Amino acid sequence: MTNSSLHLQQGSLVCVGPGMTLGAHMSARCRSHIEHAQVVFTNCHPLMEAWISTMNADVRSLQHLYEEGKDRRDTYQEMIALIMEQLRRNKRVVGAFYGHPGVFAQVPHHAIAQARKEGFSASMEPGISAEDCLYADLGIDPGAFGCQHFETSQFMIYQRQLDTAGYLILWQVALAGDLSISKRVSSSAQRRVLLDLLLEHYPAEHEVILYECPTLITDTVRQDRVRLDTLADIALSPVTTLVLPPAQRLVRNQRVIDKLMQL
């Protein structure tokens, strides 16, 4: 594609996030993008998708591309292909992705990158994510002790520096240890590997929180507080997040404090 042709593309892509809770989190800007799009692709909870369908005449769910045992990377590539197909027809395309479109959502990032590479206008609008809801629902201030966030399987298979004086927040804990990238929930044995890793840093009796954000305003927040050593056998869903509160006190760095006092 030549430089001159990059300026001829009339289609556009905006990835938006309708938030976590149906009817409560969608911003006016997000809704405007959906209403004025020529094609809207959705990858949200079915009830959220049904609601979005009332805002535009051409709303297409991407949920049918998921299959049990199918590599999610293949699914993501198929989603990107459908989005790019409409974009190459010079349509105004919107992708609505559950929560925040840039948080634990590979498709928006890759679709925007591909669209820009081909000379289309492409951007992302933020939405309320599960992380935002977690802070509010659990009463956690990330500035109080600090937070480390990891996708659970990534945390397991890579060597990371863990700070137990702050919060550790592990996302997609129900998929812990799934190397196939095809399951909806990993096995108890795979979660036992995660538990063994955590027990290297935390006491067995350490209280942890299993968190799930409500989808409907009438739903209740899941905030089960359990002992860490029970983790492998507790029922989890694909949206469960594991929160480990600090296990030790912050230690002052006196060397740095002394330097600052001399300034």
C-alpha atoms as a PDB file:
ATOM      1  CA  MET A   1       0.000   0.000   0.000  1.00  0.00           C
ATOM      2  CA  THR A   2       1.465   3.358  -1.040  1.00  0.00           C
ATOM      3  CA  ASN A   3       1.610   6.448   1.153  1.00  0.00           C
ATOM      4  CA  SER A   4      -0.924   8.209  -1.083  1.00  0.00           C
ATOM      5  CA  SER A   5      -3.451   5.392  -0.709  1.00  0.00           C
ATOM      6  CA  LEU A   6      -3.232   5.607   3.080  1.00  0.00           C
ATOM      7  CA  HIS A   7      -5.195   8.871   2.889  1.00  0.00           C
ATOM      8  CA  LEU A   8      -8.015   7.454   0.750  1.00  0.00           C
ATOM      9  CA  GLN A   9      -9.532   5.153   3.354  1.00  0.00           C
ATOM     10  CA  GLN A  10     -13.005   6.304   4.354  1.00  0.00           C
ATOM     11  CA  GLY A  11     -13.848   3.618   6.893  1.00  0.00           C
ATOM     12  CA  SER A  12     -13.218   4.045  10.608  1.00  0.00           C
ATOM     13  CA  LEU A  13     -13.026   1.838  13.668  1.00  0.00           C
ATOM     14  CA  VAL A  14     -13.778   2.761  17.267  1.00  0.00           C
ATOM     15  CA  CYS A  15     -13.582   0.170  20.043  1.00  0.00           C
ATOM     16  CA  VAL A  16     -15.738   1.077  23.034  1.00  0.00           C
ATOM     17  CA  GLY A  17     -16.554  -0.388  26.426  1.00  0.00           C
ATOM     18  CA  PRO A  18     -20.144  -0.433  27.716  1.00  0.00           C
ATOM     19  CA  GLY A  19     -18.911  -1.186  31.244  1.00  0.00           C
ATOM     20  CA  MET A  20     -19.529  -4.159  33.481  1.00  0.00           C
ATOM     21  CA  THR A  21     -23.080  -3.684  34.779  1.00  0.00           C
ATOM     22  CA  LEU A  22     -25.951  -3.543  32.301  1.00  0.00           C
ATOM     23  CA  GLY A  23     -27.474  -0.076  32.014  1.00  0.00           C
ATOM     24  CA  ALA A  24     -25.286   1.466  34.696  1.00  0.00           C
ATOM     25  CA  HIS A  25     -21.843   2.060  33.214  1.00  0.00           C
ATOM     26  CA  MET A  26     -22.177   3.075  29.574  1.00  0.00           C
ATOM     27  CA  SER A  27     -20.904   6.594  28.900  1.00  0.00           C
ATOM     28  CA  ALA A  28     -22.694   9.049  26.625  1.00  0.00           C
ATOM     29  CA  ARG A  29     -19.704   8.997  24.280  1.00  0.00           C
ATOM     30  CA  CYS A  30     -19.785   5.189  24.042  1.00  0.00           C
ATOM     31  CA  ARG A  31     -23.512   5.221  23.283  1.00  0.00           C
ATOM     32  CA  SER A  32     -23.075   7.908  20.628  1.00  0.00           C
ATOM     33  CA  HIS A  33     -20.446   5.850  18.810  1.00  0.00           C
ATOM     34  CA  ILE A  34     -22.756   2.819  18.832  1.00  0.00           C
ATOM     35  CA  GLU A  35     -25.774   4.798  17.604  1.00  0.00           C
ATOM     36  CA  HIS A  36     -23.891   6.435  14.728  1.00  0.00           C
ATOM     37  CA  ALA A  37     -22.011   3.350  13.505  1.00  0.00           C
ATOM     38  CA  GLN A  38     -22.916   1.564  10.287  1.00  0.00           C
ATOM     39  CA  VAL A  39     -21.900  -1.800  11.756  1.00  0.00           C
ATOM     40  CA  VAL A  40     -21.513  -2.722  15.448  1.00  0.00           C
ATOM     41  CA  PHE A  41     -19.701  -5.855  16.552  1.00  0.00           C
ATOM     42  CA  THR A  42     -20.245  -6.978  20.139  1.00  0.00           C
ATOM     43  CA  ASN A  43     -18.390  -9.343  22.432  1.00  0.00           C
ATOM     44  CA  CYS A  44     -20.264  -8.951  25.695  1.00  0.00           C
ATOM     45  CA  HIS A  45     -22.665 -10.719  28.019  1.00  0.00           C
ATOM     46  CA  PRO A  46     -25.783 -11.770  26.011  1.00  0.00           C
ATOM     47  CA  LEU A  47     -28.001  -9.366  27.957  1.00  0.00           C
ATOM     48  CA  MET A  48     -25.585  -6.519  27.253  1.00  0.00           C
ATOM     49  CA  GLU A  49     -25.588  -7.453  23.578  1.00  0.00           C
ATOM     50  CA  ALA A  50     -29.390  -7.472  23.502  1.00  0.00           C
ATOM     51  CA  TRP A  51     -29.442  -3.980  25.018  1.00  0.00           C
ATOM     52  CA  ILE A  52     -26.871  -2.681  22.526  1.00  0.00           C
ATOM     53  CA  SER A  53     -29.028  -4.117  19.719  1.00  0.00           C
ATOM     54  CA  THR A  54     -31.719  -1.578  20.607  1.00  0.00           C
ATOM     55  CA  MET A  55     -29.280   1.246  19.764  1.00  0.00           C
ATOM     56  CA  ASN A  56     -28.368   0.311  16.192  1.00  0.00           C
ATOM     57  CA  ALA A  57     -30.008  -1.598  13.339  1.00  0.00           C
ATOM     58  CA  ASP A  58     -26.889  -3.622  12.479  1.00  0.00           C
ATOM     59  CA  VAL A  59     -25.421  -5.226  15.608  1.00  0.00           C
ATOM     60  CA  ARG A  60     -23.488  -8.473  15.134  1.00  0.00           C
ATOM     61  CA  SER A  61     -22.415 -10.664  18.032  1.00  0.00           C
ATOM     62  CA  LEU A  62     -18.986 -12.303  17.951  1.00  0.00           C
ATOM     63  CA  GLN A  63     -19.883 -14.795  20.670  1.00  0.00           C
ATOM     64  CA  HIS A  64     -20.672 -17.611  18.213  1.00  0.00           C
ATOM     65  CA  LEU A  65     -16.981 -17.844  17.322  1.00  0.00           C
ATOM     66  CA  TYR A  66     -16.136 -19.330  20.719  1.00  0.00           C
ATOM     67  CA  GLU A  67     -16.217 -23.126  20.858  1.00  0.00           C
ATOM     68  CA  GLU A  68     -15.355 -25.598  23.591  1.00  0.00           C
ATOM     69  CA  GLY A  69     -11.847 -26.921  23.003  1.00  0.00           C
ATOM     70  CA  LYS A  70     -11.062 -24.309  20.326  1.00  0.00           C
ATOM     71  CA  ASP A  71      -7.862 -22.299  20.715  1.00  0.00           C
ATOM     72  CA  ARG A  72      -8.921 -18.792  21.709  1.00  0.00           C
ATOM     73  CA  ARG A  73      -6.177 -17.317  19.532  1.00  0.00           C
ATOM     74  CA  ASP A  74      -7.982 -18.728  16.483  1.00  0.00           C
ATOM     75  CA  THR A  75     -11.225 -17.218  17.708  1.00  0.00           C
ATOM     76  CA  TYR A  76      -9.588 -13.815  18.150  1.00  0.00           C
ATOM     77  CA  GLN A  77      -8.171 -13.899  14.613  1.00  0.00           C
ATOM     78  CA  GLU A  78     -11.624 -14.700  13.225  1.00  0.00           C
ATOM     79  CA  MET A  79     -13.095 -11.742  15.132  1.00  0.00           C
ATOM     80  CA  ILE A  80     -10.452  -9.397  13.751  1.00  0.00           C
ATOM     81  CA  ALA A  81     -11.113 -10.697  10.237  1.00  0.00           C
ATOM     82  CA  LEU A  82     -14.836  -9.927  10.484  1.00  0.00           C
ATOM     83  CA  ILE A  83     -14.149  -6.415  11.770  1.00  0.00           C
ATOM     84  CA  MET A  84     -11.566  -5.731   9.061  1.00  0.00           C
ATOM     85  CA  GLU A  85     -13.894  -7.048   6.341  1.00  0.00           C
ATOM     86  CA  GLN A  86     -16.443  -4.329   7.129  1.00  0.00           C
ATOM     87  CA  LEU A  87     -13.774  -1.695   7.617  1.00  0.00           C
ATOM     88  CA  ARG A  88     -12.340  -2.433   4.147  1.00  0.00           C
ATOM     89  CA  ARG A  89     -15.814  -1.768   2.785  1.00  0.00           C
ATOM     90  CA  ASN A  90     -15.335   1.749   4.147  1.00  0.00           C
ATOM     91  CA  LYS A  91     -17.941   1.351   6.870  1.00  0.00           C
ATOM     92  CA  ARG A  92     -18.016   3.208  10.174  1.00  0.00           C
ATOM     93  CA  VAL A  93     -17.376   0.236  12.442  1.00  0.00           C
ATOM     94  CA  VAL A  94     -17.713   0.050  16.209  1.00  0.00           C
ATOM     95  CA  GLY A  95     -16.548  -2.828  18.369  1.00  0.00           C
ATOM     96  CA  ALA A  96     -18.211  -3.017  21.786  1.00  0.00           C
ATOM     97  CA  PHE A  97     -16.242  -5.137  24.224  1.00  0.00           C
ATOM     98  CA  TYR A  98     -17.336  -5.998  27.764  1.00  0.00           C
ATOM     99  CA  GLY A  99     -16.068  -3.609  30.418  1.00  0.00           C
ATOM    100  CA  HIS A 100     -13.086  -1.642  29.097  1.00  0.00           C
ATOM    101  CA  PRO A 101     -12.113  -2.533  25.498  1.00  0.00           C
ATOM    102  CA  GLY A 102      -8.413  -2.397  26.319  1.00  0.00           C
ATOM    103  CA  VAL A 103      -8.419  -4.515  29.478  1.00  0.00           C
ATOM    104  CA  PHE A 104      -8.065  -8.287  29.013  1.00  0.00           C
ATOM    105  CA  ALA A 105      -9.283  -7.918  25.445  1.00  0.00           C
ATOM    106  CA  GLN A 106      -6.768  -8.731  22.709  1.00  0.00           C
ATOM    107  CA  VAL A 107      -9.073  -8.215  19.741  1.00  0.00           C
ATOM    108  CA  PRO A 108      -9.553  -4.422  20.098  1.00  0.00           C
ATOM    109  CA  HIS A 109      -5.804  -3.780  20.384  1.00  0.00           C
ATOM    110  CA  HIS A 110      -4.941  -5.961  17.385  1.00  0.00           C
ATOM    111  CA  ALA A 111      -7.854  -4.714  15.264  1.00  0.00           C
ATOM    112  CA  ILE A 112      -6.926  -1.083  15.904  1.00  0.00           C
ATOM    113  CA  ALA A 113      -3.277  -1.777  15.056  1.00  0.00           C
ATOM    114  CA  GLN A 114      -4.248  -3.535  11.815  1.00  0.00           C
ATOM    115  CA  ALA A 115      -6.702  -0.784  10.857  1.00  0.00           C
ATOM    116  CA  ARG A 116      -4.085   1.916  11.351  1.00  0.00           C
ATOM    117  CA  LYS A 117      -1.542  -0.111   9.386  1.00  0.00           C
ATOM    118  CA  GLU A 118      -3.976  -0.114   6.453  1.00  0.00           C
ATOM    119  CA  GLY A 119      -4.575   3.618   6.717  1.00  0.00           C
ATOM    120  CA  PHE A 120      -7.932   3.686   8.488  1.00  0.00           C
ATOM    121  CA  SER A 121      -8.844   5.947  11.360  1.00  0.00           C
ATOM    122  CA  ALA A 122      -8.968   3.758  14.481  1.00  0.00           C
ATOM    123  CA  SER A 123      -9.250   4.596  18.171  1.00  0.00           C
ATOM    124  CA  MET A 124     -10.352   3.292  21.555  1.00  0.00           C
ATOM    125  CA  GLU A 125     -12.756   4.801  24.078  1.00  0.00           C
ATOM    126  CA  PRO A 126     -12.339   3.702  27.726  1.00  0.00           C
ATOM    127  CA  GLY A 127     -15.037   1.978  29.710  1.00  0.00           C
ATOM    128  CA  ILE A 128     -15.552   0.944  33.317  1.00  0.00           C
ATOM    129  CA  SER A 129     -13.576  -2.255  33.842  1.00  0.00           C
ATOM    130  CA  ALA A 130     -13.751  -5.029  36.421  1.00  0.00           C
ATOM    131  CA  GLU A 131     -10.697  -3.447  38.038  1.00  0.00           C
ATOM    132  CA  ASP A 132     -12.590  -0.192  38.592  1.00  0.00           C
ATOM    133  CA  CYS A 133     -15.518  -2.079  40.115  1.00  0.00           C
ATOM    134  CA  LEU A 134     -13.187  -4.158  42.293  1.00  0.00           C
ATOM    135  CA  TYR A 135     -11.742  -1.080  43.983  1.00  0.00           C
ATOM    136  CA  ALA A 136     -15.226   0.255  44.696  1.00  0.00           C
ATOM    137  CA  ASP A 137     -16.832  -3.020  45.776  1.00  0.00           C
ATOM    138  CA  LEU A 138     -13.983  -4.223  48.007  1.00  0.00           C
ATOM    139  CA  GLY A 139     -13.055  -0.813  49.365  1.00  0.00           C
ATOM    140  CA  ILE A 140      -9.463  -1.028  48.139  1.00  0.00           C
ATOM    141  CA  ASP A 141      -7.404   2.089  47.481  1.00  0.00           C
ATOM    142  CA  PRO A 142      -4.545   1.063  45.146  1.00  0.00           C
ATOM    143  CA  GLY A 143      -2.515   3.975  46.469  1.00  0.00           C
ATOM    144  CA  ALA A 144      -2.561   2.731  50.070  1.00  0.00           C
ATOM    145  CA  PHE A 145      -0.198  -0.231  49.711  1.00  0.00           C
ATOM    146  CA  GLY A 146       0.192  -0.600  45.957  1.00  0.00           C
ATOM    147  CA  CYS A 147      -1.171  -3.315  43.663  1.00  0.00           C
ATOM    148  CA  GLN A 148       0.355  -5.894  41.371  1.00  0.00           C
ATOM    149  CA  HIS A 149      -1.920  -7.194  38.621  1.00  0.00           C
ATOM    150  CA  PHE A 150      -1.239 -10.355  36.628  1.00  0.00           C
ATOM    151  CA  GLU A 151      -3.134 -12.679  34.359  1.00  0.00           C
ATOM    152  CA  THR A 152      -3.007 -15.867  36.423  1.00  0.00           C
ATOM    153  CA  SER A 153      -1.445 -18.287  33.940  1.00  0.00           C
ATOM    154  CA  GLN A 154       1.145 -15.687  32.929  1.00  0.00           C
ATOM    155  CA  PHE A 155       1.987 -15.227  36.603  1.00  0.00           C
ATOM    156  CA  MET A 156       2.508 -18.984  36.863  1.00  0.00           C
ATOM    157  CA  ILE A 157       4.672 -19.628  33.827  1.00  0.00           C
ATOM    158  CA  TYR A 158       6.982 -16.610  34.068  1.00  0.00           C
ATOM    159  CA  GLN A 159       9.282 -15.607  36.889  1.00  0.00           C
ATOM    160  CA  ARG A 160       7.905 -12.416  38.441  1.00  0.00           C
ATOM    161  CA  GLN A 161       9.016 -10.317  41.380  1.00  0.00           C
ATOM    162  CA  LEU A 162       6.263 -10.561  43.984  1.00  0.00           C
ATOM    163  CA  ASP A 163       5.748  -7.829  46.601  1.00  0.00           C
ATOM    164  CA  THR A 164       3.660  -9.277  49.440  1.00  0.00           C
ATOM    165  CA  ALA A 165       3.472  -5.886  51.189  1.00  0.00           C
ATOM    166  CA  GLY A 166       0.974  -4.795  48.539  1.00  0.00           C
ATOM    167  CA  TYR A 167      -2.160  -6.305  47.018  1.00  0.00           C
ATOM    168  CA  LEU A 168      -1.737  -9.124  44.503  1.00  0.00           C
ATOM    169  CA  ILE A 169      -4.623  -9.306  42.042  1.00  0.00           C
ATOM    170  CA  LEU A 170      -4.791 -12.357  39.784  1.00  0.00           C
ATOM    171  CA  TRP A 171      -7.193 -12.160  36.860  1.00  0.00           C
ATOM    172  CA  GLN A 172      -8.842 -15.138  35.136  1.00  0.00           C
ATOM    173  CA  VAL A 173      -7.944 -17.399  38.051  1.00  0.00           C
ATOM    174  CA  ALA A 174     -10.403 -20.032  36.826  1.00  0.00           C
ATOM    175  CA  LEU A 175      -8.065 -20.565  33.863  1.00  0.00           C
ATOM    176  CA  ALA A 176      -4.998 -21.024  36.075  1.00  0.00           C
ATOM    177  CA  GLY A 177      -2.413 -23.206  34.372  1.00  0.00           C
ATOM    178  CA  ASP A 178      -4.333 -23.799  31.133  1.00  0.00           C
ATOM    179  CA  LEU A 179      -1.584 -23.975  28.495  1.00  0.00           C
ATOM    180  CA  SER A 180      -3.995 -25.076  25.755  1.00  0.00           C
ATOM    181  CA  ILE A 181      -5.748 -21.674  25.667  1.00  0.00           C
ATOM    182  CA  SER A 182      -8.968 -23.537  24.945  1.00  0.00           C
ATOM    183  CA  LYS A 183     -10.662 -24.299  28.267  1.00  0.00           C
ATOM    184  CA  ARG A 184     -13.261 -22.250  30.104  1.00  0.00           C
ATOM    185  CA  VAL A 185     -12.180 -23.549  33.521  1.00  0.00           C
ATOM    186  CA  SER A 186      -8.930 -25.293  34.416  1.00  0.00           C
ATOM    187  CA  SER A 187      -8.714 -28.367  36.618  1.00  0.00           C
ATOM    188  CA  SER A 188      -8.280 -28.587  40.369  1.00  0.00           C
ATOM    189  CA  ALA A 189      -4.831 -30.106  39.755  1.00  0.00           C
ATOM    190  CA  GLN A 190      -3.796 -27.105  37.672  1.00  0.00           C
ATOM    191  CA  ARG A 191      -5.014 -24.746  40.388  1.00  0.00           C
ATOM    192  CA  ARG A 192      -3.048 -26.773  42.921  1.00  0.00           C
ATOM    193  CA  VAL A 193       0.098 -25.737  41.026  1.00  0.00           C
ATOM    194  CA  LEU A 194      -0.957 -22.103  41.459  1.00  0.00           C
ATOM    195  CA  LEU A 195      -1.657 -22.691  45.135  1.00  0.00           C
ATOM    196  CA  ASP A 196       1.760 -24.262  45.687  1.00  0.00           C
ATOM    197  CA  LEU A 197       3.372 -21.246  44.042  1.00  0.00           C
ATOM    198  CA  LEU A 198       1.444 -18.815  46.247  1.00  0.00           C
ATOM    199  CA  LEU A 199       2.239 -20.804  49.388  1.00  0.00           C
ATOM    200  CA  GLU A 200       5.906 -20.052  48.754  1.00  0.00           C
ATOM    201  CA  HIS A 201       5.084 -16.435  49.637  1.00  0.00           C
ATOM    202  CA  TYR A 202       1.935 -16.470  51.783  1.00  0.00           C
ATOM    203  CA  PRO A 203       0.880 -18.460  54.869  1.00  0.00           C
ATOM    204  CA  ALA A 204      -1.710 -21.183  54.310  1.00  0.00           C
ATOM    205  CA  GLU A 205      -4.238 -19.398  56.535  1.00  0.00           C
ATOM    206  CA  HIS A 206      -3.892 -16.062  54.704  1.00  0.00           C
ATOM    207  CA  GLU A 207      -7.357 -14.674  53.915  1.00  0.00           C
ATOM    208  CA  VAL A 208      -7.939 -14.060  50.217  1.00  0.00           C
ATOM    209  CA  ILE A 209     -10.940 -12.719  48.323  1.00  0.00           C
ATOM    210  CA  LEU A 210     -12.760 -14.293  45.376  1.00  0.00           C
ATOM    211  CA  TYR A 211     -14.337 -11.378  43.520  1.00  0.00           C
ATOM    212  CA  GLU A 212     -16.943 -11.204  40.763  1.00  0.00           C
ATOM    213  CA  CYS A 213     -18.513  -7.999  39.473  1.00  0.00           C
ATOM    214  CA  PRO A 214     -22.306  -8.003  38.975  1.00  0.00           C
ATOM    215  CA  THR A 215     -23.644  -8.059  35.424  1.00  0.00           C
ATOM    216  CA  LEU A 216     -27.114  -6.861  36.424  1.00  0.00           C
ATOM    217  CA  ILE A 217     -27.900  -4.066  38.834  1.00  0.00           C
ATOM    218  CA  THR A 218     -30.001  -6.564  40.819  1.00  0.00           C
ATOM    219  CA  ASP A 219     -27.093  -9.008  41.162  1.00  0.00           C
ATOM    220  CA  THR A 220     -24.912  -9.105  44.247  1.00  0.00           C
ATOM    221  CA  VAL A 221     -21.144  -8.786  44.328  1.00  0.00           C
ATOM    222  CA  ARG A 222     -19.215 -11.982  44.959  1.00  0.00           C
ATOM    223  CA  GLN A 223     -16.601 -11.248  47.607  1.00  0.00           C
ATOM    224  CA  ASP A 224     -15.995 -14.597  49.277  1.00  0.00           C
ATOM    225  CA  ARG A 225     -13.235 -14.420  51.881  1.00  0.00           C
ATOM    226  CA  VAL A 226     -11.537 -17.784  52.251  1.00  0.00           C
ATOM    227  CA  ARG A 227      -8.278 -19.302  53.431  1.00  0.00           C
ATOM    228  CA  LEU A 228      -5.626 -19.441  50.739  1.00  0.00           C
ATOM    229  CA  ASP A 229      -5.084 -23.182  51.196  1.00  0.00           C
ATOM    230  CA  THR A 230      -8.685 -23.912  50.107  1.00  0.00           C
ATOM    231  CA  LEU A 231      -8.214 -22.309  46.692  1.00  0.00           C
ATOM    232  CA  ALA A 232      -7.737 -25.474  44.619  1.00  0.00           C
ATOM    233  CA  ASP A 233     -11.159 -26.908  45.478  1.00  0.00           C
ATOM    234  CA  ILE A 234     -13.410 -23.833  45.488  1.00  0.00           C
ATOM    235  CA  ALA A 235     -15.929 -23.301  42.671  1.00  0.00           C
ATOM    236  CA  LEU A 236     -14.747 -20.601  40.261  1.00  0.00           C
ATOM    237  CA  SER A 237     -16.285 -19.050  37.167  1.00  0.00           C
ATOM    238  CA  PRO A 238     -14.499 -17.577  34.129  1.00  0.00           C
ATOM    239  CA  VAL A 239     -14.990 -14.067  35.595  1.00  0.00           C
ATOM    240  CA  THR A 240     -13.611 -14.799  39.088  1.00  0.00           C
ATOM    241  CA  THR A 241     -10.705 -12.623  40.216  1.00  0.00           C
ATOM    242  CA  LEU A 242      -8.415 -13.596  43.091  1.00  0.00           C
ATOM    243  CA  VAL A 243      -7.350 -10.808  45.455  1.00  0.00           C
ATOM    244  CA  LEU A 244      -4.574 -11.407  47.970  1.00  0.00           C
ATOM    245  CA  PRO A 245      -4.325  -8.616  50.564  1.00  0.00           C
ATOM    246  CA  PRO A 246      -0.900  -7.637  51.920  1.00  0.00           C
ATOM    247  CA  ALA A 247       0.788 -10.319  54.013  1.00  0.00           C
ATOM    248  CA  GLN A 248       3.439  -8.131  55.605  1.00  0.00           C
ATOM    249  CA  ARG A 249       4.014  -4.528  56.608  1.00  0.00           C
ATOM    250  CA  LEU A 250       5.697  -1.981  54.382  1.00  0.00           C
ATOM    251  CA  VAL A 251       9.389  -1.585  55.243  1.00  0.00           C
ATOM    252  CA  ARG A 252      10.829   1.919  55.155  1.00  0.00           C
ATOM    253  CA  ASN A 253      13.808   2.513  52.884  1.00  0.00           C
ATOM    254  CA  GLN A 254      15.863   4.529  55.357  1.00  0.00           C
ATOM    255  CA  ARG A 255      18.725   5.045  52.904  1.00  0.00           C
ATOM    256  CA  VAL A 256      16.461   6.905  50.499  1.00  0.00           C
ATOM    257  CA  ILE A 257      14.732   8.779  53.319  1.00  0.00           C
ATOM    258  CA  ASP A 258      18.118  10.007  54.601  1.00  0.00           C
ATOM    259  CA  LYS A 259      19.018  11.231  51.116  1.00  0.00           C
ATOM    260  CA  LEU A 260      15.766  13.122  50.831  1.00  0.00           C
ATOM    261  CA  MET A 261      16.209  14.706  54.257  1.00  0.00           C
ATOM    262  CA  GLN A 262      19.537  16.168  53.097  1.00  0.00           C
ATOM    263  CA  LEU A 263      18.010  17.991  50.117  1.00  0.00           C
END
